[in-house]
PDB file of N, CA and C in Angstrom:
ATOM      1  N   UNK A   1     -19.228  -5.593  25.311  1.00  0.00           N
ATOM      2  CA  UNK A   1     -18.243  -5.694  24.244  1.00  0.00           C
ATOM      3  C   UNK A   1     -17.047  -4.840  24.624  1.00  0.00           C
ATOM      4  N   UNK A   2     -15.871  -5.437  24.595  1.00  0.00           N
ATOM      5  CA  UNK A   2     -14.652  -4.710  24.916  1.00  0.00           C
ATOM      6  C   UNK A   2     -14.138  -3.943  23.713  1.00  0.00           C
ATOM      7  N   UNK A   3     -13.502  -2.802  23.947  1.00  0.00           N
ATOM      8  CA  UNK A   3     -12.903  -2.067  22.833  1.00  0.00           C
ATOM      9  C   UNK A   3     -11.762  -2.884  22.228  1.00  0.00           C
ATOM     10  N   UNK A   4     -11.473  -2.654  20.962  1.00  0.00           N
ATOM     11  CA  UNK A   4     -10.423  -3.423  20.296  1.00  0.00           C
ATOM     12  C   UNK A   4      -9.031  -2.974  20.720  1.00  0.00           C
ATOM     13  N   UNK A   5      -8.890  -1.747  21.217  1.00  0.00           N
ATOM     14  CA  UNK A   5      -7.609  -1.246  21.703  1.00  0.00           C
ATOM     15  C   UNK A   5      -7.753  -0.767  23.137  1.00  0.00           C
ATOM     16  N   UNK A   6      -6.711  -1.003  23.932  1.00  0.00           N
ATOM     17  CA  UNK A   6      -6.708  -0.525  25.315  1.00  0.00           C
ATOM     18  C   UNK A   6      -5.592   0.497  25.474  1.00  0.00           C
ATOM     19  N   UNK A   7      -5.817   1.454  26.362  1.00  0.00           N
ATOM     20  CA  UNK A   7      -4.836   2.498  26.644  1.00  0.00           C
ATOM     21  C   UNK A   7      -4.640   2.622  28.143  1.00  0.00           C
ATOM     22  N   UNK A   8      -3.437   3.005  28.542  1.00  0.00           N
ATOM     23  CA  UNK A   8      -3.137   3.344  29.920  1.00  0.00           C
ATOM     24  C   UNK A   8      -2.851   4.833  29.962  1.00  0.00           C
ATOM     25  N   UNK A   9      -3.524   5.554  30.857  1.00  0.00           N
ATOM     26  CA  UNK A   9      -3.281   6.982  31.040  1.00  0.00           C
ATOM     27  C   UNK A   9      -2.688   7.190  32.427  1.00  0.00           C
ATOM     28  N   UNK A  10      -1.586   7.916  32.476  1.00  0.00           N
ATOM     29  CA  UNK A  10      -0.967   8.267  33.749  1.00  0.00           C
ATOM     30  C   UNK A  10      -1.274   9.722  34.046  1.00  0.00           C
ATOM     31  N   UNK A  11      -1.721   9.980  35.273  1.00  0.00           N
ATOM     32  CA  UNK A  11      -2.118  11.327  35.679  1.00  0.00           C
ATOM     33  C   UNK A  11      -1.177  11.865  36.746  1.00  0.00           C
ATOM     34  N   UNK A  12      -0.990  13.172  36.756  1.00  0.00           N
ATOM     35  CA  UNK A  12      -0.227  13.825  37.816  1.00  0.00           C
ATOM     36  C   UNK A  12      -1.132  13.974  39.036  1.00  0.00           C
ATOM     37  N   UNK A  13      -0.554  14.450  40.131  1.00  0.00           N
ATOM     38  CA  UNK A  13      -1.336  14.639  41.356  1.00  0.00           C
ATOM     39  C   UNK A  13      -2.439  15.667  41.173  1.00  0.00           C
ATOM     40  N   UNK A  14      -2.256  16.618  40.254  1.00  0.00           N
ATOM     41  CA  UNK A  14      -3.294  17.637  40.022  1.00  0.00           C
ATOM     42  C   UNK A  14      -4.342  17.201  39.008  1.00  0.00           C
ATOM     43  N   UNK A  15      -4.225  15.963  38.491  1.00  0.00           N
ATOM     44  CA  UNK A  15      -5.233  15.420  37.589  1.00  0.00           C
ATOM     45  C   UNK A  15      -4.959  15.599  36.113  1.00  0.00           C
ATOM     46  N   UNK A  16      -3.846  16.212  35.751  1.00  0.00           N
ATOM     47  CA  UNK A  16      -3.542  16.366  34.329  1.00  0.00           C
ATOM     48  C   UNK A  16      -2.861  15.099  33.798  1.00  0.00           C
ATOM     49  N   UNK A  17      -3.100  14.805  32.529  1.00  0.00           N
ATOM     50  CA  UNK A  17      -2.532  13.603  31.903  1.00  0.00           C
ATOM     51  C   UNK A  17      -1.045  13.834  31.655  1.00  0.00           C
ATOM     52  N   UNK A  18      -0.228  12.897  32.139  1.00  0.00           N
ATOM     53  CA  UNK A  18       1.223  12.968  31.951  1.00  0.00           C
ATOM     54  C   UNK A  18       1.626  12.185  30.707  1.00  0.00           C
ATOM     55  N   UNK A  19       1.138  10.943  30.590  1.00  0.00           N
ATOM     56  CA  UNK A  19       1.504  10.075  29.472  1.00  0.00           C
ATOM     57  C   UNK A  19       0.326   9.175  29.111  1.00  0.00           C
ATOM     58  N   UNK A  20       0.286   8.792  27.828  1.00  0.00           N
ATOM     59  CA  UNK A  20      -0.663   7.810  27.309  1.00  0.00           C
ATOM     60  C   UNK A  20       0.133   6.672  26.686  1.00  0.00           C
ATOM     61  N   UNK A  21      -0.298   5.451  26.933  1.00  0.00           N
ATOM     62  CA  UNK A  21       0.334   4.288  26.310  1.00  0.00           C
ATOM     63  C   UNK A  21      -0.742   3.441  25.658  1.00  0.00           C
ATOM     64  N   UNK A  22      -0.521   3.056  24.412  1.00  0.00           N
ATOM     65  CA  UNK A  22      -1.399   2.103  23.731  1.00  0.00           C
ATOM     66  C   UNK A  22      -0.930   0.715  24.135  1.00  0.00           C
ATOM     67  N   UNK A  23      -1.829  -0.100  24.660  1.00  0.00           N
ATOM     68  CA  UNK A  23      -1.479  -1.436  25.136  1.00  0.00           C
ATOM     69  C   UNK A  23      -1.720  -2.456  24.026  1.00  0.00           C
ATOM     70  N   UNK A  24      -0.642  -2.801  23.369  1.00  0.00           N
ATOM     71  CA  UNK A  24      -0.693  -3.806  22.312  1.00  0.00           C
ATOM     72  C   UNK A  24       0.074  -5.031  22.802  1.00  0.00           C
ATOM     73  N   UNK A  25      -0.494  -6.190  22.669  1.00  0.00           N
ATOM     74  CA  UNK A  25       0.128  -7.407  23.169  1.00  0.00           C
ATOM     75  C   UNK A  25      -0.574  -7.877  24.429  1.00  0.00           C
ATOM     76  N   UNK A  26       0.167  -8.611  25.283  1.00  0.00           N
ATOM     77  CA  UNK A  26      -0.437  -9.196  26.477  1.00  0.00           C
ATOM     78  C   UNK A  26       0.307  -8.916  27.774  1.00  0.00           C
ATOM     79  N   UNK A  27       1.474  -8.255  27.706  1.00  0.00           N
ATOM     80  CA  UNK A  27       2.263  -8.035  28.915  1.00  0.00           C
ATOM     81  C   UNK A  27       3.123  -6.784  28.749  1.00  0.00           C
ATOM     82  N   UNK A  28       3.120  -5.945  29.796  1.00  0.00           N
ATOM     83  CA  UNK A  28       3.884  -4.696  29.772  1.00  0.00           C
ATOM     84  C   UNK A  28       4.488  -4.436  31.137  1.00  0.00           C
ATOM     85  N   UNK A  29       5.692  -3.877  31.162  1.00  0.00           N
ATOM     86  CA  UNK A  29       6.339  -3.459  32.408  1.00  0.00           C
ATOM     87  C   UNK A  29       6.574  -1.964  32.310  1.00  0.00           C
ATOM     88  N   UNK A  30       6.281  -1.265  33.409  1.00  0.00           N
ATOM     89  CA  UNK A  30       6.463   0.186  33.453  1.00  0.00           C
ATOM     90  C   UNK A  30       7.471   0.538  34.534  1.00  0.00           C
ATOM     91  N   UNK A  31       8.314   1.513  34.223  1.00  0.00           N
ATOM     92  CA  UNK A  31       9.277   1.970  35.216  1.00  0.00           C
ATOM     93  C   UNK A  31      10.272   2.942  34.629  1.00  0.00           C
ATOM     94  N   UNK A  32      11.226   3.320  35.463  1.00  0.00           N
ATOM     95  CA  UNK A  32      12.248   4.302  35.117  1.00  0.00           C
ATOM     96  C   UNK A  32      13.398   3.692  34.317  1.00  0.00           C
ATOM     97  N   UNK A  33      13.466   2.391  34.268  1.00  0.00           N
ATOM     98  CA  UNK A  33      14.514   1.690  33.515  1.00  0.00           C
ATOM     99  C   UNK A  33      14.257   1.895  32.020  1.00  0.00           C
ATOM    100  N   UNK A  34      15.261   2.311  31.293  1.00  0.00           N
ATOM    101  CA  UNK A  34      15.102   2.638  29.868  1.00  0.00           C
ATOM    102  C   UNK A  34      14.595   1.460  29.035  1.00  0.00           C
ATOM    103  N   UNK A  35      14.815   0.234  29.492  1.00  0.00           N
ATOM    104  CA  UNK A  35      14.381  -0.943  28.723  1.00  0.00           C
ATOM    105  C   UNK A  35      12.905  -1.278  28.926  1.00  0.00           C
ATOM    106  N   UNK A  36      12.230  -0.618  29.865  1.00  0.00           N
ATOM    107  CA  UNK A  36      10.804  -0.884  30.095  1.00  0.00           C
ATOM    108  C   UNK A  36       9.979  -0.429  28.894  1.00  0.00           C
ATOM    109  N   UNK A  37       9.055  -1.250  28.426  1.00  0.00           N
ATOM    110  CA  UNK A  37       8.185  -0.839  27.318  1.00  0.00           C
ATOM    111  C   UNK A  37       7.405   0.442  27.623  1.00  0.00           C
ATOM    112  N   UNK A  38       7.092   0.660  28.896  1.00  0.00           N
ATOM    113  CA  UNK A  38       6.424   1.903  29.310  1.00  0.00           C
ATOM    114  C   UNK A  38       7.416   2.668  30.186  1.00  0.00           C
ATOM    115  N   UNK A  39       8.256   3.478  29.560  1.00  0.00           N
ATOM    116  CA  UNK A  39       9.285   4.244  30.268  1.00  0.00           C
ATOM    117  C   UNK A  39       8.643   5.430  30.962  1.00  0.00           C
ATOM    118  N   UNK A  40       8.882   5.563  32.286  1.00  0.00           N
ATOM    119  CA  UNK A  40       8.324   6.644  33.093  1.00  0.00           C
ATOM    120  C   UNK A  40       9.485   7.467  33.650  1.00  0.00           C
ATOM    121  N   UNK A  41       9.678   8.639  33.120  1.00  0.00           N
ATOM    122  CA  UNK A  41      10.803   9.494  33.505  1.00  0.00           C
ATOM    123  C   UNK A  41      10.420  10.340  34.718  1.00  0.00           C
ATOM    124  N   UNK A  42      10.518   9.720  35.900  1.00  0.00           N
ATOM    125  CA  UNK A  42      10.132  10.387  37.135  1.00  0.00           C
ATOM    126  C   UNK A  42      10.940   9.769  38.273  1.00  0.00           C
ATOM    127  N   UNK A  43      11.597  10.595  39.066  1.00  0.00           N
ATOM    128  CA  UNK A  43      12.461  10.084  40.136  1.00  0.00           C
ATOM    129  C   UNK A  43      11.688   9.365  41.240  1.00  0.00           C
ATOM    130  N   UNK A  44      10.375   9.556  41.342  1.00  0.00           N
ATOM    131  CA  UNK A  44       9.558   8.863  42.351  1.00  0.00           C
ATOM    132  C   UNK A  44       9.168   7.458  41.909  1.00  0.00           C
ATOM    133  N   UNK A  45       9.441   7.137  40.663  1.00  0.00           N
ATOM    134  CA  UNK A  45       9.091   5.837  40.091  1.00  0.00           C
ATOM    135  C   UNK A  45      10.293   4.904  40.211  1.00  0.00           C
ATOM    136  N   UNK A  46      10.055   3.648  40.579  1.00  0.00           N
ATOM    137  CA  UNK A  46      11.122   2.649  40.650  1.00  0.00           C
ATOM    138  C   UNK A  46      11.559   2.243  39.249  1.00  0.00           C
ATOM    139  N   UNK A  47      12.726   1.614  39.178  1.00  0.00           N
ATOM    140  CA  UNK A  47      13.220   1.177  37.859  1.00  0.00           C
ATOM    141  C   UNK A  47      12.223   0.244  37.186  1.00  0.00           C
ATOM    142  N   UNK A  48      11.620  -0.625  37.963  1.00  0.00           N
ATOM    143  CA  UNK A  48      10.550  -1.511  37.477  1.00  0.00           C
ATOM    144  C   UNK A  48       9.399  -1.356  38.467  1.00  0.00           C
ATOM    145  N   UNK A  49       8.455  -0.484  38.165  1.00  0.00           N
ATOM    146  CA  UNK A  49       7.395  -0.091  39.092  1.00  0.00           C
ATOM    147  C   UNK A  49       6.241  -1.094  39.134  1.00  0.00           C
ATOM    148  N   UNK A  50       5.661  -1.389  37.973  1.00  0.00           N
ATOM    149  CA  UNK A  50       4.513  -2.297  37.922  1.00  0.00           C
ATOM    150  C   UNK A  50       4.456  -2.994  36.580  1.00  0.00           C
ATOM    151  N   UNK A  51       3.636  -4.045  36.536  1.00  0.00           N
ATOM    152  CA  UNK A  51       3.399  -4.737  35.275  1.00  0.00           C
ATOM    153  C   UNK A  51       1.898  -4.844  35.058  1.00  0.00           C
ATOM    154  N   UNK A  52       1.528  -4.870  33.804  1.00  0.00           N
ATOM    155  CA  UNK A  52       0.140  -5.095  33.403  1.00  0.00           C
ATOM    156  C   UNK A  52       0.140  -6.324  32.515  1.00  0.00           C
ATOM    157  N   UNK A  53      -0.805  -7.222  32.765  1.00  0.00           N
ATOM    158  CA  UNK A  53      -0.947  -8.383  31.896  1.00  0.00           C
ATOM    159  C   UNK A  53      -2.412  -8.519  31.514  1.00  0.00           C
ATOM    160  N   UNK A  54      -2.612  -9.050  30.332  1.00  0.00           N
ATOM    161  CA  UNK A  54      -3.974  -9.288  29.840  1.00  0.00           C
ATOM    162  C   UNK A  54      -4.170 -10.788  29.702  1.00  0.00           C
ATOM    163  N   UNK A  55      -5.256 -11.263  30.282  1.00  0.00           N
ATOM    164  CA  UNK A  55      -5.656 -12.663  30.127  1.00  0.00           C
ATOM    165  C   UNK A  55      -7.095 -12.673  29.682  1.00  0.00           C
ATOM    166  N   UNK A  56      -7.315 -13.192  28.505  1.00  0.00           N
ATOM    167  CA  UNK A  56      -8.642 -13.185  27.887  1.00  0.00           C
ATOM    168  C   UNK A  56      -9.133 -11.738  27.813  1.00  0.00           C
ATOM    169  N   UNK A  57     -10.220 -11.418  28.475  1.00  0.00           N
ATOM    170  CA  UNK A  57     -10.771 -10.061  28.373  1.00  0.00           C
ATOM    171  C   UNK A  57     -10.491  -9.225  29.627  1.00  0.00           C
ATOM    172  N   UNK A  58      -9.588  -9.700  30.504  1.00  0.00           N
ATOM    173  CA  UNK A  58      -9.306  -8.982  31.752  1.00  0.00           C
ATOM    174  C   UNK A  58      -7.861  -8.488  31.785  1.00  0.00           C
ATOM    175  N   UNK A  59      -7.654  -7.358  32.454  1.00  0.00           N
ATOM    176  CA  UNK A  59      -6.327  -6.798  32.665  1.00  0.00           C
ATOM    177  C   UNK A  59      -5.997  -6.879  34.150  1.00  0.00           C
ATOM    178  N   UNK A  60      -4.738  -7.170  34.460  1.00  0.00           N
ATOM    179  CA  UNK A  60      -4.274  -7.290  35.836  1.00  0.00           C
ATOM    180  C   UNK A  60      -3.055  -6.397  36.026  1.00  0.00           C
ATOM    181  N   UNK A  61      -3.017  -5.673  37.152  1.00  0.00           N
ATOM    182  CA  UNK A  61      -1.894  -4.799  37.488  1.00  0.00           C
ATOM    183  C   UNK A  61      -1.237  -5.360  38.739  1.00  0.00           C
ATOM    184  N   UNK A  62       0.107  -5.436  38.708  1.00  0.00           N
ATOM    185  CA  UNK A  62       0.847  -5.955  39.862  1.00  0.00           C
ATOM    186  C   UNK A  62       2.048  -5.063  40.125  1.00  0.00           C
ATOM    187  N   UNK A  63       2.152  -4.586  41.351  1.00  0.00           N
ATOM    188  CA  UNK A  63       3.319  -3.817  41.767  1.00  0.00           C
ATOM    189  C   UNK A  63       4.522  -4.754  41.793  1.00  0.00           C
ATOM    190  N   UNK A  64       5.677  -4.259  41.370  1.00  0.00           N
ATOM    191  CA  UNK A  64       6.868  -5.099  41.310  1.00  0.00           C
ATOM    192  C   UNK A  64       7.818  -4.811  42.469  1.00  0.00           C
ATOM    193  N   UNK A  65       7.258  -4.554  43.648  1.00  0.00           N
ATOM    194  CA  UNK A  65       8.080  -4.291  44.825  1.00  0.00           C
ATOM    195  C   UNK A  65       8.645  -2.885  44.833  1.00  0.00           C
ATOM    196  N   UNK A  66       7.931  -1.954  44.239  1.00  0.00           N
ATOM    197  CA  UNK A  66       8.407  -0.571  44.142  1.00  0.00           C
ATOM    198  C   UNK A  66       8.499   0.078  45.522  1.00  0.00           C
ATOM    199  N   UNK A  67       9.360   1.069  45.639  1.00  0.00           N
ATOM    200  CA  UNK A  67       9.577   1.760  46.915  1.00  0.00           C
ATOM    201  C   UNK A  67       8.343   2.544  47.356  1.00  0.00           C
ATOM    202  N   UNK A  68       7.634   3.167  46.433  1.00  0.00           N
ATOM    203  CA  UNK A  68       6.497   4.028  46.775  1.00  0.00           C
ATOM    204  C   UNK A  68       5.138   3.400  46.515  1.00  0.00           C
ATOM    205  N   UNK A  69       5.101   2.165  46.051  1.00  0.00           N
ATOM    206  CA  UNK A  69       3.827   1.514  45.766  1.00  0.00           C
ATOM    207  C   UNK A  69       3.222   1.987  44.455  1.00  0.00           C
ATOM    208  N   UNK A  70       2.156   1.344  44.057  1.00  0.00           N
ATOM    209  CA  UNK A  70       1.462   1.654  42.810  1.00  0.00           C
ATOM    210  C   UNK A  70      -0.010   1.890  43.104  1.00  0.00           C
ATOM    211  N   UNK A  71      -0.558   2.946  42.548  1.00  0.00           N
ATOM    212  CA  UNK A  71      -1.984   3.248  42.693  1.00  0.00           C
ATOM    213  C   UNK A  71      -2.688   2.939  41.386  1.00  0.00           C
ATOM    214  N   UNK A  72      -3.861   2.365  41.475  1.00  0.00           N
ATOM    215  CA  UNK A  72      -4.726   2.125  40.327  1.00  0.00           C
ATOM    216  C   UNK A  72      -6.048   2.811  40.635  1.00  0.00           C
ATOM    217  N   UNK A  73      -6.383   3.813  39.836  1.00  0.00           N
ATOM    218  CA  UNK A  73      -7.575   4.614  40.075  1.00  0.00           C
ATOM    219  C   UNK A  73      -7.587   5.192  41.501  1.00  0.00           C
ATOM    220  N   UNK A  74      -6.399   5.599  41.955  1.00  0.00           N
ATOM    221  CA  UNK A  74      -6.261   6.223  43.261  1.00  0.00           C
ATOM    222  C   UNK A  74      -6.181   5.276  44.442  1.00  0.00           C
ATOM    223  N   UNK A  75      -6.259   3.977  44.196  1.00  0.00           N
ATOM    224  CA  UNK A  75      -6.231   2.965  45.263  1.00  0.00           C
ATOM    225  C   UNK A  75      -4.954   2.131  45.161  1.00  0.00           C
ATOM    226  N   UNK A  76      -4.358   1.791  46.329  1.00  0.00           N
ATOM    227  CA  UNK A  76      -3.149   0.930  46.301  1.00  0.00           C
ATOM    228  C   UNK A  76      -3.438  -0.455  45.746  1.00  0.00           C
TER     229      UNK A  76
END
């Protein structure tokens, strides 16, 4: 059984939580661009870093051609 709400947690390199986002809806874009639903205020982040989409009960993460790449659970 899946939880009724999903969250995205962003961690720093030392393992501390930087930001939490409640994922409501089916599609989100994260990046340094102020118009991104998940605004990430960090110079190492691209303007449009990655997107998350939900299809049925699964979530998918896709890098949007960012300069430094995107890690999910520490993996590219």
